[in-house]
Each structure stands twice: as structure tokens, then as C-alpha cells.
Protein backbone atom coordinates (compact mmCIF):
# COMPACT_ATOMS: atom_id res chain seq x y z
CA MET A 1 -168.17 -190.63 -78.18
CA PHE A 2 -169.23 -191.48 -74.62
CA GLN A 3 -172.47 -190.14 -73.65
CA TYR A 4 -174.80 -190.58 -70.80
CA VAL A 5 -178.39 -191.06 -70.01
CA GLU A 6 -179.03 -188.63 -67.17
CA ARG A 7 -182.04 -188.07 -64.82
CA SER A 8 -182.77 -184.42 -65.32
CA GLY A 9 -183.00 -183.55 -61.58
CA THR A 10 -180.46 -181.12 -60.54
CA LEU A 11 -178.51 -183.38 -58.26
CA SER A 12 -179.50 -186.65 -59.84
CA GLY A 13 -176.71 -189.24 -60.53
CA LEU A 14 -175.58 -190.36 -64.04
CA VAL A 15 -176.50 -193.66 -65.54
CA PRO A 16 -173.64 -194.42 -68.00
CA ARG A 17 -174.70 -195.59 -71.40
CA LEU A 18 -172.45 -195.88 -74.53
CA PHE A 19 -173.90 -194.66 -77.97
CA LEU A 20 -172.15 -194.48 -81.28
CA ALA A 21 -172.58 -190.87 -82.69
CA GLY A 22 -172.66 -190.52 -86.52
CA ALA A 23 -171.72 -187.35 -88.24
CA LEU A 24 -173.27 -185.17 -91.01
CA ALA A 25 -170.77 -183.64 -93.31
CA ALA A 26 -170.45 -179.86 -92.83
CA GLY A 27 -171.76 -177.56 -95.79
CA ALA A 28 -174.26 -180.09 -96.98
CA VAL A 29 -176.86 -178.47 -99.32
CA PHE A 30 -180.12 -179.60 -101.17
CA ALA A 31 -179.54 -180.76 -104.76
CA GLY A 32 -179.78 -177.74 -107.18
CA GLY A 33 -180.13 -175.62 -104.14
CA ALA A 34 -183.82 -176.03 -103.98
CA LEU A 35 -185.65 -176.16 -100.74
CA PRO A 36 -187.18 -179.56 -99.71
CA VAL A 37 -191.04 -180.06 -100.34
CA GLN A 38 -193.15 -178.69 -97.47
CA ALA A 39 -190.28 -176.76 -96.03
CA ALA A 40 -192.56 -174.21 -94.53
CA ALA A 41 -194.16 -177.00 -92.43
CA THR A 42 -191.02 -177.10 -90.27
CA LYS A 43 -191.56 -173.49 -89.20
CA GLY A 44 -193.61 -174.52 -86.30
CA PRO A 45 -196.09 -172.36 -84.38
CA ASP A 46 -195.95 -168.60 -84.88
CA THR A 47 -196.25 -168.17 -81.04
CA VAL A 48 -197.22 -170.24 -77.99
CA ALA A 49 -197.37 -167.05 -75.70
CA ASP A 50 -201.24 -167.27 -75.36
CA THR A 51 -201.18 -170.94 -74.32
CA ALA A 52 -198.16 -170.61 -72.00
CA ALA A 53 -199.82 -167.69 -70.07
CA GLN A 54 -202.69 -170.07 -69.34
CA ILE A 55 -200.71 -172.87 -67.93
CA MET A 56 -197.48 -171.40 -66.62
CA ASP A 57 -198.94 -170.86 -63.13
CA ALA A 58 -199.76 -174.56 -62.78
CA VAL A 59 -195.91 -175.50 -63.04
CA VAL A 60 -193.95 -175.34 -59.84
CA ASN A 61 -190.42 -175.61 -58.70
CA ILE A 62 -189.71 -178.49 -56.20
CA SER A 63 -187.10 -177.96 -53.77
CA THR A 64 -185.99 -180.56 -51.23
CA SER A 65 -183.37 -180.81 -48.43
CA GLN A 66 -182.07 -183.74 -46.54
CA THR A 67 -179.50 -184.57 -43.89
CA VAL A 68 -176.48 -186.37 -45.08
CA ALA A 69 -174.15 -188.36 -42.66
CA PRO A 70 -170.60 -186.88 -42.18
CA SER A 71 -168.10 -188.48 -44.55
CA ARG A 72 -165.85 -191.00 -42.91
CA SER A 73 -162.10 -190.37 -42.79
CA VAL A 74 -159.96 -192.32 -45.26
CA PRO A 75 -156.79 -194.00 -43.93
CA THR A 76 -153.56 -193.03 -45.48
CA PRO A 77 -152.51 -195.72 -47.83
CA GLU A 78 -149.50 -197.81 -47.12
CA LEU A 79 -146.58 -197.00 -49.35
CA PRO A 80 -143.16 -198.81 -49.66
CA PRO A 81 -140.45 -197.25 -47.56
CA GLY A 82 -138.67 -194.48 -49.37
CA SER A 83 -141.53 -193.99 -51.84
CA PRO A 84 -141.33 -190.49 -53.59
CA PHE A 85 -145.10 -190.14 -52.95
CA GLU A 86 -144.87 -190.79 -49.25
CA GLU A 87 -144.62 -187.15 -48.16
CA PHE A 88 -147.26 -186.02 -50.69
CA PHE A 89 -149.79 -188.61 -49.42
CA GLU A 90 -149.10 -187.85 -45.75
CA GLU A 91 -149.67 -184.12 -46.34
CA PHE A 92 -152.78 -184.64 -48.29
CA PHE A 93 -154.45 -186.92 -45.72
CA LYS A 94 -153.43 -184.70 -42.97
CA ARG A 95 -155.27 -181.68 -44.35
CA ARG A 96 -158.34 -184.07 -45.07
CA GLN A 97 -158.37 -185.10 -41.39
CA GLN A 98 -157.97 -181.45 -40.17
CA GLN A 99 -160.86 -180.33 -42.22
CA GLY A 100 -162.98 -183.18 -40.80
CA ASP A 101 -161.94 -182.20 -37.31
CA GLU A 102 -162.94 -178.41 -37.97
CA ASP A 103 -166.30 -179.53 -39.21
CA GLY A 104 -166.74 -181.58 -36.04
CA GLY A 105 -167.94 -184.72 -37.79
CA ARG A 106 -171.54 -183.14 -38.02
CA PRO A 107 -174.12 -184.21 -40.52
CA ARG A 108 -174.70 -181.64 -43.18
CA ARG A 109 -177.57 -180.54 -45.20
CA VAL A 110 -177.94 -180.78 -48.83
CA SER A 111 -180.61 -179.52 -51.24
CA SER A 112 -181.83 -180.19 -54.68
CA LEU A 113 -184.14 -178.74 -57.29
CA GLY A 114 -186.59 -180.20 -59.79
CA SER A 115 -190.10 -179.50 -61.35
CA GLY A 116 -193.55 -180.38 -60.97
CA PHE A 117 -197.06 -179.42 -61.98
CA VAL A 118 -200.64 -179.06 -60.19
CA ILE A 119 -203.23 -181.53 -61.37
CA ASP A 120 -206.01 -180.51 -58.85
CA SER A 121 -206.62 -177.27 -57.50
CA SER A 122 -206.96 -178.72 -53.97
CA GLY A 123 -203.19 -179.12 -53.91
CA LEU A 124 -202.12 -182.41 -55.81
CA ILE A 125 -198.85 -182.06 -57.51
CA VAL A 126 -197.14 -184.64 -59.82
CA THR A 127 -193.28 -184.93 -60.03
CA ASN A 128 -190.57 -187.43 -60.63
CA ASN A 129 -189.71 -189.75 -57.67
CA HIS A 130 -186.08 -189.17 -58.20
CA VAL A 131 -186.60 -185.57 -57.53
CA ILE A 132 -187.95 -186.03 -53.93
CA ALA A 133 -186.13 -189.37 -53.18
CA ASP A 134 -184.70 -189.52 -49.61
CA ALA A 135 -185.84 -185.93 -48.92
CA ASP A 136 -186.53 -184.89 -45.32
CA GLU A 137 -188.40 -181.74 -46.43
CA ILE A 138 -190.12 -180.88 -49.69
CA PHE A 139 -191.38 -177.40 -50.82
CA ALA A 140 -193.41 -176.31 -54.00
CA ASN A 141 -192.33 -172.93 -55.22
CA PHE A 142 -195.09 -171.13 -57.24
CA ALA A 143 -194.69 -168.63 -60.04
CA ASP A 144 -196.19 -165.81 -57.80
CA GLY A 145 -193.50 -166.21 -55.30
CA SER A 146 -195.48 -168.26 -52.68
CA LYS A 147 -193.79 -171.28 -51.22
CA LEU A 148 -195.85 -174.20 -49.65
CA LYS A 149 -194.56 -177.26 -47.76
CA ALA A 150 -195.53 -180.50 -49.56
CA GLU A 151 -196.18 -183.93 -48.15
CA LEU A 152 -195.72 -187.15 -50.00
CA VAL A 153 -198.87 -188.92 -50.85
CA GLY A 154 -197.33 -191.83 -52.69
CA ARG A 155 -194.54 -192.81 -55.07
CA ASP A 156 -193.65 -195.42 -57.71
CA THR A 157 -190.07 -196.22 -58.46
CA LYS A 158 -190.87 -198.35 -61.52
CA THR A 159 -192.14 -195.43 -63.50
CA ASP A 160 -190.32 -192.77 -61.52
CA LEU A 161 -193.40 -190.91 -60.55
CA ALA A 162 -194.52 -189.24 -57.21
CA LEU A 163 -197.59 -187.45 -56.06
CA LEU A 164 -197.41 -184.53 -53.57
CA ARG A 165 -200.04 -182.66 -51.61
CA VAL A 166 -199.87 -178.95 -50.48
CA THR A 167 -202.37 -177.05 -48.63
CA PRO A 168 -203.26 -173.85 -50.63
CA GLU A 169 -203.54 -170.51 -48.73
CA ALA A 170 -207.07 -169.37 -47.84
CA GLY A 171 -208.75 -167.53 -50.84
CA LYS A 172 -205.88 -168.44 -53.26
CA PRO A 173 -206.90 -171.57 -55.28
CA LEU A 174 -204.32 -173.24 -57.28
CA LYS A 175 -204.07 -173.25 -61.17
CA ALA A 176 -204.34 -176.85 -62.30
CA VAL A 177 -203.71 -178.50 -65.65
CA LYS A 178 -205.28 -181.66 -67.12
CA PHE A 179 -203.71 -184.78 -68.84
CA ALA A 180 -204.37 -185.54 -72.49
CA ASP A 181 -204.25 -188.78 -74.46
CA SER A 182 -200.52 -189.33 -75.26
CA ASP A 183 -201.39 -192.18 -77.60
CA VAL A 184 -202.66 -189.71 -80.45
CA LEU A 185 -199.34 -187.95 -80.61
CA ARG A 186 -197.32 -188.50 -83.84
CA VAL A 187 -193.69 -188.06 -84.47
CA GLY A 188 -193.39 -184.49 -85.48
CA ASP A 189 -196.22 -183.11 -83.29
CA TRP A 190 -195.12 -179.91 -81.57
CA VAL A 191 -194.74 -179.82 -77.83
CA MET A 192 -193.73 -177.44 -74.98
CA ALA A 193 -191.70 -178.15 -71.95
CA ILE A 194 -191.99 -175.95 -68.77
CA GLY A 195 -189.73 -176.49 -65.82
CA ASN A 196 -186.93 -175.30 -63.52
CA PRO A 197 -183.64 -175.99 -65.42
CA PHE A 198 -180.51 -175.18 -63.46
CA GLY A 199 -183.00 -173.23 -60.92
CA LEU A 200 -184.29 -171.00 -63.58
CA GLY A 201 -187.92 -171.43 -62.76
CA GLY A 202 -190.63 -170.85 -65.33
CA THR A 203 -188.52 -171.72 -68.26
CA LEU A 204 -190.39 -172.75 -71.58
CA THR A 205 -189.06 -174.58 -74.45
CA VAL A 206 -190.50 -175.83 -77.61
CA GLY A 207 -189.92 -178.78 -79.86
CA VAL A 208 -191.44 -181.79 -81.50
CA ILE A 209 -192.09 -185.44 -80.62
CA SER A 210 -188.93 -187.12 -81.95
CA ALA A 211 -189.90 -190.76 -81.36
CA ARG A 212 -192.40 -192.73 -79.37
CA ASN A 213 -192.08 -196.01 -77.29
CA ARG A 214 -188.41 -195.49 -76.35
CA ASP A 215 -186.88 -198.09 -74.12
CA ILE A 216 -183.88 -196.61 -72.18
CA ASN A 217 -183.42 -199.41 -69.78
CA SER A 218 -184.51 -197.54 -66.83
CA GLY A 219 -187.32 -199.80 -65.56
CA PRO A 220 -189.60 -202.65 -66.51
CA TYR A 221 -192.33 -200.22 -67.99
CA ASP A 222 -190.27 -198.13 -70.25
CA ASN A 223 -192.34 -196.56 -72.90
CA PHE A 224 -190.93 -193.04 -73.19
CA LEU A 225 -191.79 -190.18 -75.64
CA GLN A 226 -188.54 -188.66 -76.95
CA THR A 227 -188.54 -184.96 -77.67
CA ASP A 228 -186.04 -182.37 -78.88
CA ALA A 229 -187.65 -179.67 -76.73
CA ALA A 230 -184.66 -178.49 -74.64
CA ILE A 231 -184.70 -180.38 -71.29
CA ASN A 232 -181.98 -179.77 -68.80
CA ARG A 233 -181.08 -180.81 -65.32
CA GLY A 234 -183.80 -179.34 -62.99
CA ASN A 235 -186.58 -180.07 -65.49
CA SER A 236 -187.33 -183.41 -64.01
CA GLY A 237 -190.90 -183.88 -63.05
CA GLY A 238 -191.93 -181.01 -65.21
CA PRO A 239 -194.77 -181.28 -67.70
CA LEU A 240 -194.55 -181.73 -71.49
CA PHE A 241 -197.54 -180.01 -73.05
CA ASN A 242 -199.23 -180.32 -76.35
CA MET A 243 -200.29 -177.10 -78.31
CA ASP A 244 -203.60 -177.10 -76.36
CA GLY A 245 -201.80 -176.69 -73.03
CA ASP A 246 -202.66 -180.17 -71.73
CA VAL A 247 -200.08 -182.56 -70.31
CA VAL A 248 -198.93 -185.41 -72.61
CA GLY A 249 -195.80 -186.34 -70.78
CA ILE A 250 -193.59 -185.83 -67.53
CA ASN A 251 -190.01 -184.91 -68.38
CA THR A 252 -187.67 -187.50 -66.74
CA ALA A 253 -184.36 -188.05 -68.39
CA ILE A 254 -181.85 -186.75 -71.05
CA ILE A 255 -178.97 -188.08 -72.98
CA SER A 256 -176.08 -185.64 -72.55
CA PRO A 257 -172.31 -185.72 -72.42
CA SER A 258 -172.08 -182.67 -70.33
CA GLY A 259 -175.36 -182.20 -68.37
CA GLY A 260 -176.91 -179.81 -70.91
CA SER A 261 -179.38 -180.47 -73.44
CA ILE A 262 -178.38 -181.91 -76.85
CA GLY A 263 -181.96 -182.31 -78.06
CA ILE A 264 -182.57 -185.75 -76.73
CA GLY A 265 -185.02 -185.84 -73.84
CA PHE A 266 -187.49 -188.33 -72.63
CA ALA A 267 -190.91 -187.99 -70.95
CA VAL A 268 -193.19 -190.42 -69.34
CA PRO A 269 -196.26 -190.62 -71.59
CA SER A 270 -199.42 -189.27 -69.89
CA ASN A 271 -201.28 -192.64 -70.56
CA THR A 272 -198.52 -194.38 -68.61
CA ALA A 273 -198.78 -191.79 -65.69
CA VAL A 274 -202.54 -191.45 -65.37
CA PRO A 275 -203.22 -194.74 -63.93
CA VAL A 276 -200.18 -194.67 -61.57
CA VAL A 277 -201.22 -191.23 -60.36
CA ALA A 278 -204.88 -192.50 -59.90
CA GLN A 279 -203.70 -195.36 -57.70
CA LEU A 280 -201.47 -193.12 -55.68
CA ARG A 281 -204.15 -190.72 -55.10
CA GLU A 282 -206.52 -193.41 -53.97
CA PHE A 283 -204.36 -195.99 -52.22
CA GLY A 284 -201.07 -194.18 -51.63
CA GLU A 285 -199.32 -196.87 -53.59
CA THR A 286 -199.57 -198.77 -56.93
CA ARG A 287 -201.61 -201.92 -57.41
CA ARG A 288 -200.58 -203.29 -60.73
CA GLY A 289 -202.07 -206.32 -62.51
CA TRP A 290 -200.13 -209.78 -62.49
CA ILE A 291 -200.84 -213.00 -64.09
CA GLY A 292 -197.80 -215.03 -63.09
CA VAL A 293 -195.83 -215.84 -66.10
CA ARG A 294 -192.26 -215.71 -67.37
CA ILE A 295 -191.94 -214.46 -70.92
CA GLN A 296 -189.57 -214.41 -73.75
CA ALA A 297 -189.10 -212.30 -76.91
CA VAL A 298 -190.36 -214.03 -80.19
CA THR A 299 -187.23 -214.09 -82.35
CA PRO A 300 -187.38 -214.89 -86.13
CA GLU A 301 -186.24 -218.34 -85.50
CA ILE A 302 -188.89 -218.97 -82.86
CA ALA A 303 -191.52 -217.39 -85.15
CA GLU A 304 -190.58 -219.72 -87.81
CA SER A 305 -190.57 -222.86 -85.60
CA LEU A 306 -193.97 -222.03 -84.40
CA SER A 307 -195.41 -221.04 -87.90
CA LEU A 308 -196.13 -217.50 -86.70
CA GLY A 309 -195.01 -215.95 -89.93
CA SER A 310 -193.34 -212.80 -88.67
CA PRO A 311 -192.31 -212.29 -85.01
CA ARG A 312 -195.11 -210.98 -82.76
CA GLY A 313 -196.54 -211.39 -79.42
CA ALA A 314 -194.80 -212.65 -76.20
CA LEU A 315 -193.83 -216.18 -75.69
CA ILE A 316 -194.54 -217.73 -72.37
CA GLY A 317 -191.56 -219.58 -71.05
CA SER A 318 -193.10 -220.79 -67.80
CA VAL A 319 -196.23 -220.40 -65.71
CA ASN A 320 -196.33 -219.92 -62.00
CA ASP A 321 -198.14 -222.77 -60.29
CA ASP A 322 -201.56 -221.59 -58.86
CA GLY A 323 -201.16 -218.17 -60.46
CA PRO A 324 -203.84 -216.42 -62.50
CA ALA A 325 -202.38 -217.62 -65.86
CA ALA A 326 -202.16 -221.25 -64.76
CA LYS A 327 -205.88 -221.15 -63.50
CA GLY A 328 -206.84 -219.58 -66.66
CA GLY A 329 -205.34 -222.35 -68.74
CA LEU A 330 -202.29 -220.66 -70.28
CA LYS A 331 -199.30 -222.93 -70.82
CA ALA A 332 -195.57 -222.68 -71.42
CA GLY A 333 -195.06 -222.28 -75.30
CA ASP A 334 -198.25 -220.24 -75.81
CA VAL A 335 -197.66 -216.93 -77.71
CA VAL A 336 -199.83 -214.14 -76.35
CA VAL A 337 -201.05 -211.78 -79.16
CA ARG A 338 -203.97 -209.93 -77.50
CA PHE A 339 -204.59 -209.13 -73.95
CA ASP A 340 -207.92 -207.57 -72.78
CA GLY A 341 -208.55 -206.42 -76.35
CA LYS A 342 -205.26 -204.82 -76.79
CA GLU A 343 -202.57 -206.02 -79.25
CA VAL A 344 -199.50 -207.38 -77.84
CA LYS A 345 -196.87 -206.55 -80.50
CA ASP A 346 -193.88 -207.65 -78.69
CA ILE A 347 -192.31 -208.81 -75.33
CA ARG A 348 -192.30 -205.11 -73.92
CA ALA A 349 -195.98 -204.66 -74.55
CA LEU A 350 -197.44 -207.50 -72.43
CA PRO A 351 -196.00 -206.37 -68.89
CA ILE A 352 -197.12 -202.85 -69.52
CA ILE A 353 -200.71 -203.98 -70.64
CA VAL A 354 -200.92 -206.40 -67.72
CA ALA A 355 -199.77 -203.83 -65.19
CA ASP A 356 -202.51 -201.28 -66.32
CA THR A 357 -205.15 -203.85 -66.07
CA PRO A 358 -207.37 -203.36 -62.92
CA VAL A 359 -206.73 -206.24 -60.32
CA ASP A 360 -209.62 -208.82 -60.17
CA LYS A 361 -210.76 -208.09 -63.75
CA GLN A 362 -211.62 -210.95 -66.02
CA VAL A 363 -209.98 -210.58 -69.35
CA ASP A 364 -209.75 -212.45 -72.74
CA VAL A 365 -206.30 -213.50 -73.58
CA VAL A 366 -205.80 -214.70 -77.16
CA VAL A 367 -202.82 -217.01 -77.71
CA ILE A 368 -201.25 -218.84 -80.54
CA ARG A 369 -200.96 -222.51 -79.37
CA ARG A 370 -199.65 -225.15 -81.82
CA GLY A 371 -200.24 -223.00 -84.78
CA LYS A 372 -204.00 -222.25 -83.85
CA GLU A 373 -205.54 -219.21 -82.18
CA GLU A 374 -207.21 -219.80 -78.95
CA THR A 375 -209.19 -217.33 -76.61
CA LEU A 376 -208.78 -217.98 -72.78
CA ARG A 377 -210.20 -216.23 -69.87
CA VAL A 378 -207.98 -215.06 -66.95
CA THR A 379 -208.69 -213.21 -63.68
CA VAL A 380 -205.96 -210.73 -63.23
CA GLY A 381 -204.22 -210.86 -59.86
CA ARG A 382 -202.20 -208.19 -57.92
CA LEU A 383 -198.43 -207.89 -58.37
CA ASP A 384 -196.40 -208.07 -55.17
CA GLU A 385 -194.12 -204.97 -55.58
CA SER A 386 -191.76 -206.37 -53.08
CA GLU A 387 -191.22 -209.61 -55.14
CA LYS A 388 -187.47 -209.99 -55.80
CA THR A 389 -186.03 -211.60 -59.01
CA GLU A 390 -184.42 -215.11 -58.08
CA ALA A 391 -180.86 -215.36 -58.35
CA ALA A 392 -179.47 -217.29 -61.44
CA ALA A 393 -178.46 -220.65 -60.70
CA GLU A 394 -174.75 -221.34 -60.58
CA ALA A 395 -173.38 -223.28 -63.52
CA PRO A 396 -173.24 -226.93 -62.73
CA SER A 397 -169.96 -228.89 -63.16
CA LYS A 398 -169.50 -231.37 -65.92
CA PRO A 399 -169.55 -235.03 -65.26
CA GLU A 400 -166.21 -236.76 -64.81
CA THR A 401 -167.43 -239.80 -66.91
CA PRO A 402 -170.19 -239.40 -69.39
CA PRO A 403 -172.58 -242.35 -69.75
CA ALA A 404 -171.63 -244.90 -72.52
CA THR A 405 -174.70 -244.09 -74.74
CA THR A 406 -174.74 -240.45 -75.79
CA THR A 407 -176.01 -238.63 -78.94
CA LYS A 408 -174.67 -235.54 -80.64
CA VAL A 409 -177.51 -233.12 -82.10
CA LEU A 410 -177.72 -229.43 -82.72
CA GLY A 411 -174.19 -228.78 -81.26
CA VAL A 412 -174.79 -230.56 -77.96
CA GLU A 413 -174.04 -233.93 -76.55
CA VAL A 414 -177.14 -235.36 -74.72
CA ALA A 415 -177.93 -238.56 -72.68
CA GLU A 416 -180.91 -239.95 -70.95
CA LEU A 417 -181.38 -238.60 -67.56
CA SER A 418 -180.16 -241.07 -64.98
CA PRO A 419 -180.02 -241.02 -61.13
CA GLU A 420 -176.29 -240.58 -61.24
CA LEU A 421 -176.61 -237.62 -63.73
CA ARG A 422 -179.35 -236.12 -61.53
CA THR A 423 -177.07 -236.18 -58.57
CA LYS A 424 -174.11 -234.98 -60.59
CA PHE A 425 -175.67 -231.92 -61.84
CA LYS A 426 -177.97 -231.29 -58.73
CA ILE A 427 -181.04 -231.63 -60.99
CA LYS A 428 -184.27 -231.25 -59.01
CA ASP A 429 -186.26 -234.60 -58.54
CA GLU A 430 -189.33 -233.44 -60.33
CA LEU A 431 -187.62 -232.32 -63.52
CA LYS A 432 -187.66 -234.65 -66.59
CA GLY A 433 -186.03 -234.43 -69.97
CA VAL A 434 -182.85 -235.22 -71.89
CA VAL A 435 -179.70 -233.95 -70.16
CA ILE A 436 -177.07 -232.10 -71.92
CA LEU A 437 -173.53 -233.18 -71.17
CA LYS A 438 -171.41 -231.05 -73.40
CA VAL A 439 -171.92 -227.91 -75.56
CA GLU A 440 -169.72 -227.38 -78.63
CA PRO A 441 -167.88 -224.12 -78.25
CA GLY A 442 -168.97 -221.56 -80.89
CA SER A 443 -172.16 -223.55 -81.62
CA ALA A 444 -175.56 -221.89 -81.96
CA ALA A 445 -176.42 -223.73 -78.68
CA ALA A 446 -173.46 -222.07 -76.98
CA ASP A 447 -174.59 -218.71 -78.18
CA ARG A 448 -177.94 -219.37 -76.78
CA GLY A 449 -176.61 -219.94 -73.30
CA LEU A 450 -177.08 -223.69 -73.13
CA ALA A 451 -174.79 -225.48 -70.72
CA ALA A 452 -173.92 -228.98 -69.37
CA GLY A 453 -176.57 -229.97 -66.83
CA TYR A 454 -179.47 -228.33 -68.77
CA LEU A 455 -182.48 -230.48 -69.81
CA ILE A 456 -184.08 -230.55 -73.20
CA VAL A 457 -187.75 -230.83 -72.02
CA GLU A 458 -189.52 -230.51 -75.43
CA VAL A 459 -188.65 -230.25 -79.11
CA ASN A 460 -191.31 -228.15 -81.00
CA GLN A 461 -193.62 -228.66 -78.16
CA GLU A 462 -193.26 -232.38 -77.98
CA ALA A 463 -191.99 -233.94 -74.74
CA THR A 464 -188.66 -235.70 -74.89
CA ALA A 465 -187.35 -238.45 -72.50
CA THR A 466 -184.52 -240.08 -74.43
CA PRO A 467 -182.00 -239.06 -77.09
CA LYS A 468 -183.88 -240.96 -79.66
CA ASP A 469 -187.02 -238.64 -78.95
CA VAL A 470 -184.77 -235.80 -79.86
CA GLU A 471 -183.52 -237.38 -83.03
CA GLU A 472 -187.08 -238.35 -84.22
CA ARG A 473 -188.51 -235.00 -83.52
CA LEU A 474 -185.62 -233.36 -85.51
CA ALA A 475 -186.11 -235.69 -88.41
CA GLU A 476 -189.76 -234.80 -88.56
CA LEU A 477 -188.88 -231.10 -88.60
CA LYS A 478 -186.46 -231.77 -91.44
CA LYS A 479 -189.19 -233.52 -93.51
CA GLU A 480 -191.44 -230.56 -92.99
CA GLY A 481 -188.81 -228.20 -94.43
CA LYS A 482 -188.27 -226.38 -90.97
CA ARG A 483 -184.94 -224.44 -90.69
CA SER A 484 -185.02 -224.45 -86.90
CA ALA A 485 -186.12 -226.24 -83.82
CA LEU A 486 -187.84 -224.91 -81.02
CA LEU A 487 -186.52 -226.41 -77.71
CA MET A 488 -188.02 -225.97 -74.26
CA VAL A 489 -184.88 -226.17 -71.90
CA SER A 490 -184.69 -226.18 -68.23
CA ASP A 491 -181.66 -225.31 -65.88
CA PRO A 492 -181.16 -227.69 -62.94
CA ASP A 493 -183.31 -225.36 -60.67
CA GLY A 494 -186.33 -225.68 -62.98
CA GLN A 495 -186.20 -222.27 -64.75
CA VAL A 496 -187.61 -222.90 -68.13
CA ARG A 497 -187.19 -220.92 -71.19
CA PHE A 498 -187.43 -221.52 -75.10
CA THR A 499 -184.72 -221.18 -77.66
CA ALA A 500 -184.62 -221.93 -81.44
CA LEU A 501 -181.53 -223.73 -82.89
CA PRO A 502 -180.81 -224.12 -86.55
CA ILE A 503 -181.18 -227.42 -87.93
CA GLU A 504 -178.09 -228.77 -89.63
């Protein structure tokens, strides 16, 4: 079944994702007809009416409008003479042209709807960035029927959050709600969603937290709460409340084949939103922490090579020259397991923790280096939000005539790096290592993305300059009973990463 991850704003676009949907056989019953243990616990709260009455007025409908340029006319396609479709296409495009002429080619106004909530009685409102993106005008519509024009205070595209400001009418202070700690939520805890689905303002739905820490590939800081509380198009930017009436999330996206709720919705956790909103409020922009490293996931093979036991932490593939990490003594091959007192469980955790760390703060970074734990001191820098990811280097061509002395190891053919090979593969002058000439198709090395022209810089954190160095390192690992070898490899442009290959 094809399904889609959809931003839940009324006019938001769809982001296609393919999921495999399982099925539960119809008519399934419990063995012996008995009810499951603690079935009554699934009943949920008797009512949320009292809590809803206290918070409903703080939830607003966000309406926007923008000017869209007139659509450009599409030329009639050229068809072979005598084509049976020639007359049809001529009539179709003639009507399209006439409609454009009648419209005068004028720009047109389009509108969209979403949700938001007041966090300060002075007039601060939180919503999703995609709700107000590209809007010329933004209005907040309140439960009492009042409508206030809103101005944009700041936005953050990476977490899809935006902060708005309205000016309350004299003598009519706004009802505000507060954030709660989303980290205390457990799977199964009851929550309420209030918003503006399909333009039906003030709609409340109830459900539970279905999962935590969801990554839906929408940005670098994905850490969504998943809920089965009904969230539909128009709910974007609305609050997800706990049973005390405090905000634990901002409803952002749904999975749906049709645009309606199927019980899979996602909300930005309040603990992710709070520091972003605070920075937007103070600076009008985000100021995220940065240490200047490229990181990789710690796979089971890499964990075994580094004697970590089980996979954990984030492996540093390379360190930016003169960046905070380099100045603090971090090196390629270090595995970060704690940062500023917080556990780094996997590769996803480190960017989120670093981004939330205040700029210029000195923090302790605990790393595993050569099997031993070390603590380093790093001063966090500021992330340049405009920084773009470097384009991947083009695959270099293979040498026409390989050197006479080559060695085959781990599914690759390697040779000592010579001036001729450096020129042939366009390898930067400052790079050192053993050059890969060929990669055996279907090998583990091919599966890991190794290619001709790459360099093997290290084997198990020991530098290699000749094929003999590689063979000796592998022989040592075999004696130690290792099942895989950790390689530091570099492409011709100097982009470094680690990969673990099985020792045959």
C-alpha cells in the first residue's frame, strides 16, 4: 500500500513515503473468550471537558494569504501529421489559452489554514513554519470570534517552528498555555490535540502517545512524538496537551493515504521546541551549538572492531580544522558516548544534544579512544545555518595500466600511492595512504561504497603507507581473533569516513 507522510497544514504538499502495511485477521478473539489483563486500563479518562474548557481559548486558527504569479501558458505539443489526437490537443490547449486571456494573466490570491497556540498573554503565538511559509499576510483567529493580524518574529525550518506576535485588544488579555517536560511522557500516556482540521476550529481529539523519538526524515533534528489522537490537515501548528492541560508537543505531520487521519500523527516534542522558541523570541533566529565534526553510525561491525561491546555513541569520521572539536582534542576515530553530561545513545542523539547546547559553553565530552574512555573539554561554537553540504565528489576513473606491484585484500586491489596514481585519480597532494585500484563486484567493500581512487588511510587506527602495512595490520587482527577490520578511508577530495570489513 502506498502511503504518505503529509504536513498537516491545509494546503501543504505531500512528501511521498512507502510503507509496508501488515494486516490483522478479521474476527480475532481472545483465547477462551476472556478479556486481557487490565483491560479497564485502556478505557481512558472519563472526561477531559474541564481541562479542555481551561485551555481551549489559548488555541488559535492561523489563516494566511499570499499572491501567486499567473500560470504560464503551455505550448501545444507537436504531433505527427495525421495523428488521431491532433484535433483533441488543439481544442484542449485553445480552451486553456482562452481562459488565461479572460483572466488577464493577473496574479491571484490563495489562502491556507493551520493552527497555533498562545504562549504569552502579551501576544506570542507558536505554530509550524510550513503553515505561514511564503505568506503575505497572517491572521490569528480566536475562539471568541476576534481576529488579529500577526507578524512573524522568527522561524526555524529545521524543526518546522515559527513564532508570531499579535497585539491584543485593550482590556482583553489573551489566554496563554505553558510547556511541560516531554521527556517524562511514556508510551501509553493520554494526550489531547486541539486545532483547526479542515477549517473546523476548536476541534479536540484524544489519544495516547504511540511511540517516542520517531525519525520521519523531515530534518536533521527529527525526534517526534507519535500519537493516535486524530490529527488532520489544518491541525499543523496546534498543541498536543497532556492531561494537565500543558503543551507537550506541536502537531506537525501525519501518515495518510488520503489526507485524513488513520491514527498515525507526529508532534515536535516540547523539549525540542522550548529552546528554539526561546531563541526566536530573543534573537529572531536560532543560534545552535556546533563543534565541527562529521559523524557516522556505530555499526555492529565497527563496535566489534573498536571493542565497544554493543553499538553505541557516534563515531567521528573527520574533524574540521580549527573547529571547536579540533581545539578540544577530538580526533577522527573517537566514539562520543557522553556530551555535556547527556548520554549519546546513537548517531541521531549527538546533533540534537550539540544543537541545544548554548554557544560558547565549555562542556565535557566523553569519548572511547583505542578502547579506553577519555574526557575532553570543548567550547561549543555557533552553527552557521547558511552552511551548505558539500557536493559529493565524482567517481574517479580507473587507471589504464595498474602498477606492477599490487596486493588483494578484503575484496580490493591496492597499491602504494605514486605521483602517477595521484595524478590519475586527481588525489589531493596532502592526502596519504594506500590507493585502491579495483573493487571486487559483490564484495563487502563494494557494498560499503569503496571505489577505485579511494585511499586506505588507517587499519584499526594504525596508519598505512604501503600494501604491506595493510597486510600486517590484518594479520595482527586475525591473531587477536577479530572478525572485522576498521578502515579509515578517504575519497580523492579528502572526505574521510570509517567502514568495517569482514576479515576473510
